[in-house]
Amino acid sequence: MKRVCIYPQDVSIITVKSLAQAQRVLRNLRFALNKRKDQYITFDE
């Protein structure tokens, strides 16, 4: 079974940035996609 949602640690590994910067990237992505704080970002998005 594949994982569907992406976590800050995944973003950190992919972009070679710190965990705080990865969290900021996901926060900006949530804002751009008009999602709430508690909603996940999926690989499809």
C-alpha atoms as a PDB file:
ATOM      1  CA  MET A   1       0.000   0.000   0.000  1.00  0.00           C
ATOM      2  CA  LYS A   2       1.396   3.369  -1.022  1.00  0.00           C
ATOM      3  CA  ARG A   3       1.338   6.438   1.133  1.00  0.00           C
ATOM      4  CA  VAL A   4      -0.866   9.228  -0.217  1.00  0.00           C
ATOM      5  CA  CYS A   5      -0.079  12.270   1.920  1.00  0.00           C
ATOM      6  CA  ILE A   6       3.209  14.136   2.104  1.00  0.00           C
ATOM      7  CA  TYR A   7       4.836  15.158   5.373  1.00  0.00           C
ATOM      8  CA  PRO A   8       7.369  17.890   6.202  1.00  0.00           C
ATOM      9  CA  GLN A   9      10.111  15.280   6.549  1.00  0.00           C
ATOM     10  CA  ASP A  10       9.476  14.184   2.954  1.00  0.00           C
ATOM     11  CA  VAL A  11       9.715  17.764   1.709  1.00  0.00           C
ATOM     12  CA  SER A  12      12.887  18.239   3.738  1.00  0.00           C
ATOM     13  CA  ILE A  13      14.537  15.219   2.134  1.00  0.00           C
ATOM     14  CA  ILE A  14      13.417  16.104  -1.403  1.00  0.00           C
ATOM     15  CA  THR A  15      14.427  19.774  -1.254  1.00  0.00           C
ATOM     16  CA  VAL A  16      17.479  19.316   1.013  1.00  0.00           C
ATOM     17  CA  LYS A  17      16.198  22.012   3.340  1.00  0.00           C
ATOM     18  CA  SER A  18      15.684  22.125   7.070  1.00  0.00           C
ATOM     19  CA  LEU A  19      12.526  20.823   8.671  1.00  0.00           C
ATOM     20  CA  ALA A  20      11.362  24.362   9.504  1.00  0.00           C
ATOM     21  CA  GLN A  21      11.705  25.420   5.867  1.00  0.00           C
ATOM     22  CA  ALA A  22       9.837  22.302   4.752  1.00  0.00           C
ATOM     23  CA  GLN A  23       7.006  23.138   7.140  1.00  0.00           C
ATOM     24  CA  ARG A  24       6.906  26.636   5.674  1.00  0.00           C
ATOM     25  CA  VAL A  25       6.687  25.191   2.147  1.00  0.00           C
ATOM     26  CA  LEU A  26       3.733  22.996   3.146  1.00  0.00           C
ATOM     27  CA  ARG A  27       2.066  25.921   4.920  1.00  0.00           C
ATOM     28  CA  ASN A  28       2.361  28.063   1.782  1.00  0.00           C
ATOM     29  CA  LEU A  29       1.090  25.187  -0.329  1.00  0.00           C
ATOM     30  CA  ARG A  30      -1.929  24.753   1.943  1.00  0.00           C
ATOM     31  CA  PHE A  31      -2.640  28.470   1.634  1.00  0.00           C
ATOM     32  CA  ALA A  32      -2.357  28.321  -2.173  1.00  0.00           C
ATOM     33  CA  LEU A  33      -4.689  25.311  -2.324  1.00  0.00           C
ATOM     34  CA  ASN A  34      -7.135  26.954   0.099  1.00  0.00           C
ATOM     35  CA  LYS A  35      -6.896  24.145   2.674  1.00  0.00           C
ATOM     36  CA  ARG A  36      -7.207  24.257   6.436  1.00  0.00           C
ATOM     37  CA  LYS A  37      -4.317  23.562   8.836  1.00  0.00           C
ATOM     38  CA  ASP A  38      -5.587  20.091   9.670  1.00  0.00           C
ATOM     39  CA  GLN A  39      -5.939  18.904   6.062  1.00  0.00           C
ATOM     40  CA  TYR A  40      -3.212  16.850   4.408  1.00  0.00           C
ATOM     41  CA  ILE A  41      -1.384  17.603   1.191  1.00  0.00           C
ATOM     42  CA  THR A  42      -1.421  14.641  -1.190  1.00  0.00           C
ATOM     43  CA  PHE A  43       1.072  13.655  -3.858  1.00  0.00           C
ATOM     44  CA  ASP A  44      -1.538  14.344  -6.551  1.00  0.00           C
ATOM     45  CA  GLU A  45      -1.782  17.979  -5.508  1.00  0.00           C
END
